[in-house]
Amino acid sequence: MKTIRRGDKGKEVKTAQQLLNHKGYGAGSVDGIFGENTEKAVRALQKNYGITVDGIIGTDTWDSLEVDGVLKQGARGPKVRGLQNELNARGFQAGTADGIFGSKTQAAVKALQKAGGIAADGIVGPDTWAALYAGTPGGAQPASAHFKASEFKCHDGTEVPAKFYANLQKLMALLEQIRTACGGRAVIINSGYRTAAYNKKVGGAPLSQHLLAKAADIRVEGMTAKQVYDIANRLNPNGGVGKYASFTHVDVRDGRARW
């Protein structure tokens, strides 16, 4: 693949956008135009994989975009580092992202496999890659170490639509961070995804992030809403955090909001 950068157009850009979206980096529309959103997605991937963060897709970045192949204990390199970062983001505790597939990474892979209903052999093959990136549209339901998609379904019984899986995976990653910062206490989801009808019924805002599966109203056992708010406020600088008497609202919108 040739090197591509912001301003470029064509089939190589489309390929990159598809791969970035597949891995959950949010490149936006697959239109073959290397714009701001694509560059931001590339930079996020490069940071995650320990590659020079320049927003340009060269040899190392193309290699990191590819998810084919098998990784197992003893493997080394950027793909392992990216795997470790993805596992950690989902709460599977792969340890330091050092690019070395050791026993801790293997244990994290087995935990992911168990959560995804895959044979827990500690080897990252096609099924495990699919489970790791389940938050992309068309994949399996998202899951993390301590959260399942079923916890976020609307109170009218509607499951989270597949088109919002990437949003939910990002929300789960934030909740895993909050759970860790709360000393590993259970995070209880009071309200997750909402259909438009249910959101209207409960008096939700017309543009509520709950409608996109980007939001959750939570409480943490043994902690006050104020304590949880303070933690969420620190861990979610670029999203939404709201303080209420008995719960805390968190969301992964594109932009800071506080109330």
Protein backbone atom coordinates (compact mmCIF):
# COMPACT_ATOMS: atom_id res chain seq x y z
CA MET A 1 0.00 0.00 0.00
CA LYS A 2 1.23 3.51 -0.79
CA THR A 3 1.64 6.19 1.86
CA ILE A 4 -1.45 8.37 2.22
CA ARG A 5 -2.19 11.51 4.22
CA ARG A 6 -4.71 14.29 4.73
CA GLY A 7 -5.92 15.67 1.41
CA ASP A 8 -5.47 12.39 -0.49
CA LYS A 9 -8.40 10.69 -2.22
CA GLY A 10 -9.07 7.28 -3.72
CA LYS A 11 -9.43 3.58 -3.08
CA GLU A 12 -6.50 3.39 -0.64
CA VAL A 13 -8.19 6.01 1.54
CA LYS A 14 -11.45 4.03 1.42
CA THR A 15 -9.59 0.89 2.48
CA ALA A 16 -7.99 2.74 5.39
CA GLN A 17 -11.33 4.21 6.49
CA GLN A 18 -12.97 0.78 6.41
CA LEU A 19 -10.18 -0.74 8.52
CA LEU A 20 -10.19 2.17 10.98
CA ASN A 21 -13.95 1.92 11.42
CA HIS A 22 -13.73 -1.86 11.77
CA LYS A 23 -11.29 -1.41 14.64
CA GLY A 24 -13.53 1.18 16.29
CA TYR A 25 -11.45 4.30 15.60
CA GLY A 26 -14.33 6.29 14.08
CA ALA A 27 -12.98 7.52 10.75
CA GLY A 28 -16.51 8.47 9.72
CA SER A 29 -17.97 7.98 6.24
CA VAL A 30 -16.08 5.67 3.90
CA ASP A 31 -15.95 8.27 1.15
CA GLY A 32 -12.34 7.94 -0.01
CA ILE A 33 -11.48 11.46 1.16
CA PHE A 34 -8.68 11.72 3.74
CA GLY A 35 -10.10 14.53 5.89
CA GLU A 36 -10.03 15.66 9.51
CA ASN A 37 -11.97 12.71 10.93
CA THR A 38 -9.76 10.18 9.15
CA GLU A 39 -6.60 11.91 10.35
CA LYS A 40 -7.86 11.96 13.94
CA ALA A 41 -8.65 8.25 13.71
CA VAL A 42 -5.18 7.51 12.32
CA ARG A 43 -3.52 9.46 15.12
CA ALA A 44 -5.55 7.57 17.73
CA LEU A 45 -4.52 4.23 16.23
CA GLN A 46 -0.87 5.29 16.03
CA LYS A 47 -0.87 6.36 19.66
CA ASN A 48 -2.45 3.08 20.69
CA TYR A 49 0.09 1.02 18.76
CA GLY A 50 3.17 2.98 19.81
CA ILE A 51 3.81 4.29 16.29
CA THR A 52 5.01 7.82 15.55
CA VAL A 53 1.84 9.94 15.79
CA ASP A 54 1.89 11.94 12.56
CA GLY A 55 -1.54 11.17 11.07
CA ILE A 56 0.11 9.68 7.97
CA ILE A 57 -0.54 6.09 6.92
CA GLY A 58 2.80 4.58 5.99
CA THR A 59 4.17 1.04 6.24
CA ASP A 60 3.97 0.69 10.06
CA THR A 61 0.45 2.13 10.22
CA TRP A 62 -0.80 -0.08 7.38
CA ASP A 63 0.65 -3.10 9.23
CA SER A 64 -1.17 -2.08 12.41
CA LEU A 65 -4.46 -1.63 10.57
CA GLU A 66 -4.42 -5.25 9.45
CA VAL A 67 -6.09 -7.56 11.98
CA ASP A 68 -5.55 -10.81 10.10
CA GLY A 69 -3.15 -13.39 11.43
CA VAL A 70 -2.67 -15.16 14.72
CA LEU A 71 -1.03 -13.86 17.88
CA LYS A 72 -0.07 -16.06 20.80
CA GLN A 73 2.28 -16.16 23.77
CA GLY A 74 5.80 -15.26 22.70
CA ALA A 75 4.74 -12.86 19.94
CA ARG A 76 6.19 -9.34 19.95
CA GLY A 77 5.67 -6.04 18.16
CA PRO A 78 3.18 -3.23 17.46
CA LYS A 79 0.24 -5.59 16.91
CA VAL A 80 0.78 -7.09 20.37
CA ARG A 81 1.00 -3.60 21.87
CA GLY A 82 -2.24 -2.64 20.16
CA LEU A 83 -3.86 -5.85 21.38
CA GLN A 84 -2.78 -5.09 24.94
CA ASN A 85 -4.14 -1.54 24.76
CA GLU A 86 -7.47 -2.76 23.38
CA LEU A 87 -7.73 -5.43 26.10
CA ASN A 88 -6.91 -2.91 28.82
CA ALA A 89 -9.47 -0.45 27.45
CA ARG A 90 -12.13 -3.13 27.83
CA GLY A 91 -11.06 -3.93 31.39
CA PHE A 92 -9.33 -7.24 30.67
CA GLN A 93 -6.08 -6.26 32.42
CA ALA A 94 -3.34 -7.22 29.99
CA GLY A 95 -0.82 -5.23 32.01
CA THR A 96 1.74 -2.81 30.58
CA ALA A 97 1.41 -2.41 26.82
CA ASP A 98 5.01 -3.37 26.10
CA GLY A 99 4.46 -5.30 22.87
CA ILE A 100 5.39 -8.62 24.47
CA PHE A 101 2.74 -11.36 24.54
CA GLY A 102 3.41 -12.83 27.97
CA SER A 103 1.39 -14.74 30.56
CA LYS A 104 -0.59 -11.68 31.67
CA THR A 105 -1.64 -10.90 28.10
CA GLN A 106 -2.57 -14.54 27.59
CA ALA A 107 -4.75 -14.49 30.72
CA ALA A 108 -6.47 -11.31 29.47
CA VAL A 109 -7.12 -12.94 26.09
CA LYS A 110 -8.64 -15.97 27.80
CA ALA A 111 -10.91 -13.68 29.85
CA LEU A 112 -12.02 -11.94 26.65
CA GLN A 113 -12.65 -15.28 24.97
CA LYS A 114 -14.69 -16.52 27.92
CA ALA A 115 -16.78 -13.32 27.89
CA GLY A 116 -17.36 -13.73 24.15
CA GLY A 117 -18.27 -17.40 24.32
CA ILE A 118 -15.14 -18.47 22.45
CA ALA A 119 -12.89 -21.43 23.27
CA ALA A 120 -10.51 -19.96 25.88
CA ASP A 121 -7.16 -21.07 24.44
CA GLY A 122 -5.33 -17.75 24.84
CA ILE A 123 -4.58 -17.58 21.10
CA VAL A 124 -5.78 -14.55 19.13
CA GLY A 125 -7.25 -15.85 15.87
CA PRO A 126 -10.17 -14.65 13.68
CA ASP A 127 -12.89 -15.32 16.28
CA THR A 128 -10.97 -13.52 19.01
CA TRP A 129 -10.20 -10.54 16.77
CA ALA A 130 -13.92 -10.37 15.99
CA ALA A 131 -14.77 -10.45 19.71
CA LEU A 132 -12.19 -7.75 20.45
CA TYR A 133 -13.73 -5.43 17.87
CA ALA A 134 -17.31 -6.48 18.53
CA GLY A 135 -18.24 -2.85 19.12
CA THR A 136 -18.19 -2.12 15.39
CA PRO A 137 -21.50 -2.17 13.48
CA GLY A 138 -22.41 -5.63 12.29
CA GLY A 139 -20.29 -7.41 14.88
CA ALA A 140 -21.34 -9.37 17.93
CA GLN A 141 -22.78 -7.54 20.93
CA PRO A 142 -20.16 -5.48 22.77
CA ALA A 143 -18.79 -6.74 26.07
CA SER A 144 -16.05 -5.80 28.50
CA ALA A 145 -14.63 -7.45 31.58
CA HIS A 146 -17.49 -6.32 33.83
CA PHE A 147 -20.30 -5.19 31.53
CA LYS A 148 -22.63 -6.85 29.03
CA ALA A 149 -24.84 -5.28 26.37
CA SER A 150 -27.94 -6.63 28.11
CA GLU A 151 -27.29 -4.29 31.06
CA PHE A 152 -27.82 -1.30 28.77
CA LYS A 153 -31.03 -2.29 27.01
CA CYS A 154 -33.96 0.12 27.17
CA HIS A 155 -36.38 -0.31 30.07
CA ASP A 156 -39.08 -1.08 27.50
CA GLY A 157 -37.15 -4.23 26.64
CA THR A 158 -35.50 -3.01 23.41
CA GLU A 159 -31.93 -4.22 22.92
CA VAL A 160 -29.21 -1.79 21.85
CA PRO A 161 -29.31 -1.62 18.01
CA ALA A 162 -26.25 -2.94 16.19
CA LYS A 163 -25.64 0.45 14.60
CA PHE A 164 -24.81 1.79 18.09
CA TYR A 165 -22.43 -1.00 19.13
CA ALA A 166 -19.34 1.19 18.64
CA ASN A 167 -20.85 3.85 20.92
CA LEU A 168 -21.67 1.26 23.57
CA GLN A 169 -18.18 -0.25 23.44
CA LYS A 170 -16.69 3.20 24.03
CA LEU A 171 -19.10 3.75 26.93
CA MET A 172 -18.15 0.40 28.46
CA ALA A 173 -14.47 1.35 28.27
CA LEU A 174 -15.17 4.54 30.23
CA LEU A 175 -17.21 2.62 32.82
CA GLU A 176 -14.36 0.14 33.26
CA GLN A 177 -12.07 3.07 34.11
CA ILE A 178 -14.61 4.44 36.56
CA ARG A 179 -15.03 1.01 38.16
CA THR A 180 -11.28 0.70 38.65
CA ALA A 181 -11.04 4.21 40.12
CA CYS A 182 -13.86 3.29 42.51
CA GLY A 183 -11.74 0.49 43.95
CA GLY A 184 -13.35 -2.25 41.90
CA ARG A 185 -16.82 -1.65 43.33
CA ALA A 186 -19.75 -2.74 41.20
CA VAL A 187 -21.12 -0.09 38.84
CA ILE A 188 -24.89 -0.42 38.52
CA ILE A 189 -26.59 0.81 35.35
CA ASN A 190 -29.82 2.61 36.23
CA SER A 191 -30.50 3.66 32.65
CA GLY A 192 -28.64 2.94 29.42
CA TYR A 193 -30.01 2.95 25.89
CA ARG A 194 -33.44 4.51 25.32
CA THR A 195 -35.76 4.32 22.36
CA ALA A 196 -37.25 7.64 21.23
CA ALA A 197 -40.65 6.62 22.59
CA TYR A 198 -39.30 5.63 25.99
CA ASN A 199 -37.10 8.71 26.21
CA LYS A 200 -40.15 10.90 25.59
CA LYS A 201 -42.16 8.94 28.16
CA VAL A 202 -39.60 9.59 30.92
CA GLY A 203 -39.10 13.23 29.95
CA GLY A 204 -35.61 12.84 28.52
CA ALA A 205 -33.97 15.59 26.49
CA PRO A 206 -34.89 15.42 22.77
CA LEU A 207 -31.21 15.03 21.84
CA SER A 208 -30.33 12.77 24.78
CA GLN A 209 -27.15 10.75 24.44
CA HIS A 210 -29.17 7.77 25.72
CA LEU A 211 -30.80 7.63 22.27
CA LEU A 212 -27.39 6.79 20.76
CA ALA A 213 -26.27 4.31 23.46
CA LYS A 214 -23.61 6.82 24.43
CA ALA A 215 -24.90 7.42 27.97
CA ALA A 216 -25.54 5.65 31.24
CA ASP A 217 -27.00 6.77 34.56
CA ILE A 218 -24.98 4.91 37.18
CA ARG A 219 -24.53 4.37 40.87
CA VAL A 220 -21.70 2.64 42.70
CA GLU A 221 -22.23 0.52 45.76
CA GLY A 222 -20.82 2.13 48.89
CA MET A 223 -20.22 5.54 47.30
CA THR A 224 -22.22 8.75 47.08
CA ALA A 225 -23.31 10.26 43.77
CA LYS A 226 -20.99 13.21 44.50
CA GLN A 227 -17.99 10.88 44.92
CA VAL A 228 -18.79 9.10 41.66
CA TYR A 229 -19.28 12.44 39.90
CA ASP A 230 -15.85 13.64 40.99
CA ILE A 231 -14.22 10.49 39.60
CA ALA A 232 -16.16 10.61 36.34
CA ASN A 233 -15.38 14.31 35.97
CA ARG A 234 -11.66 13.49 36.09
CA LEU A 235 -11.78 10.44 33.83
CA ASN A 236 -14.11 11.83 31.16
CA PRO A 237 -12.73 15.29 30.32
CA ASN A 238 -14.14 15.36 26.78
CA GLY A 239 -17.58 13.85 27.37
CA GLY A 240 -20.64 14.52 29.50
CA VAL A 241 -21.00 14.17 33.28
CA GLY A 242 -24.09 15.11 35.27
CA LYS A 243 -24.63 15.12 39.04
CA TYR A 244 -27.97 14.06 40.52
CA ALA A 245 -29.07 13.26 44.06
CA SER A 246 -29.03 9.47 43.72
CA PHE A 247 -27.04 8.76 40.56
CA THR A 248 -24.41 10.10 38.17
CA HIS A 249 -24.87 10.54 34.43
CA VAL A 250 -21.90 9.80 32.16
CA ASP A 251 -21.72 9.87 28.39
CA VAL A 252 -19.18 9.69 25.57
CA ARG A 253 -20.48 12.51 23.41
CA ASP A 254 -18.06 14.43 21.19
CA GLY A 255 -17.58 17.45 23.42
CA ARG A 256 -17.38 18.39 27.08
CA ALA A 257 -20.61 18.95 29.02
CA ARG A 258 -21.18 19.36 32.76
CA TRP A 259 -24.27 19.89 34.90
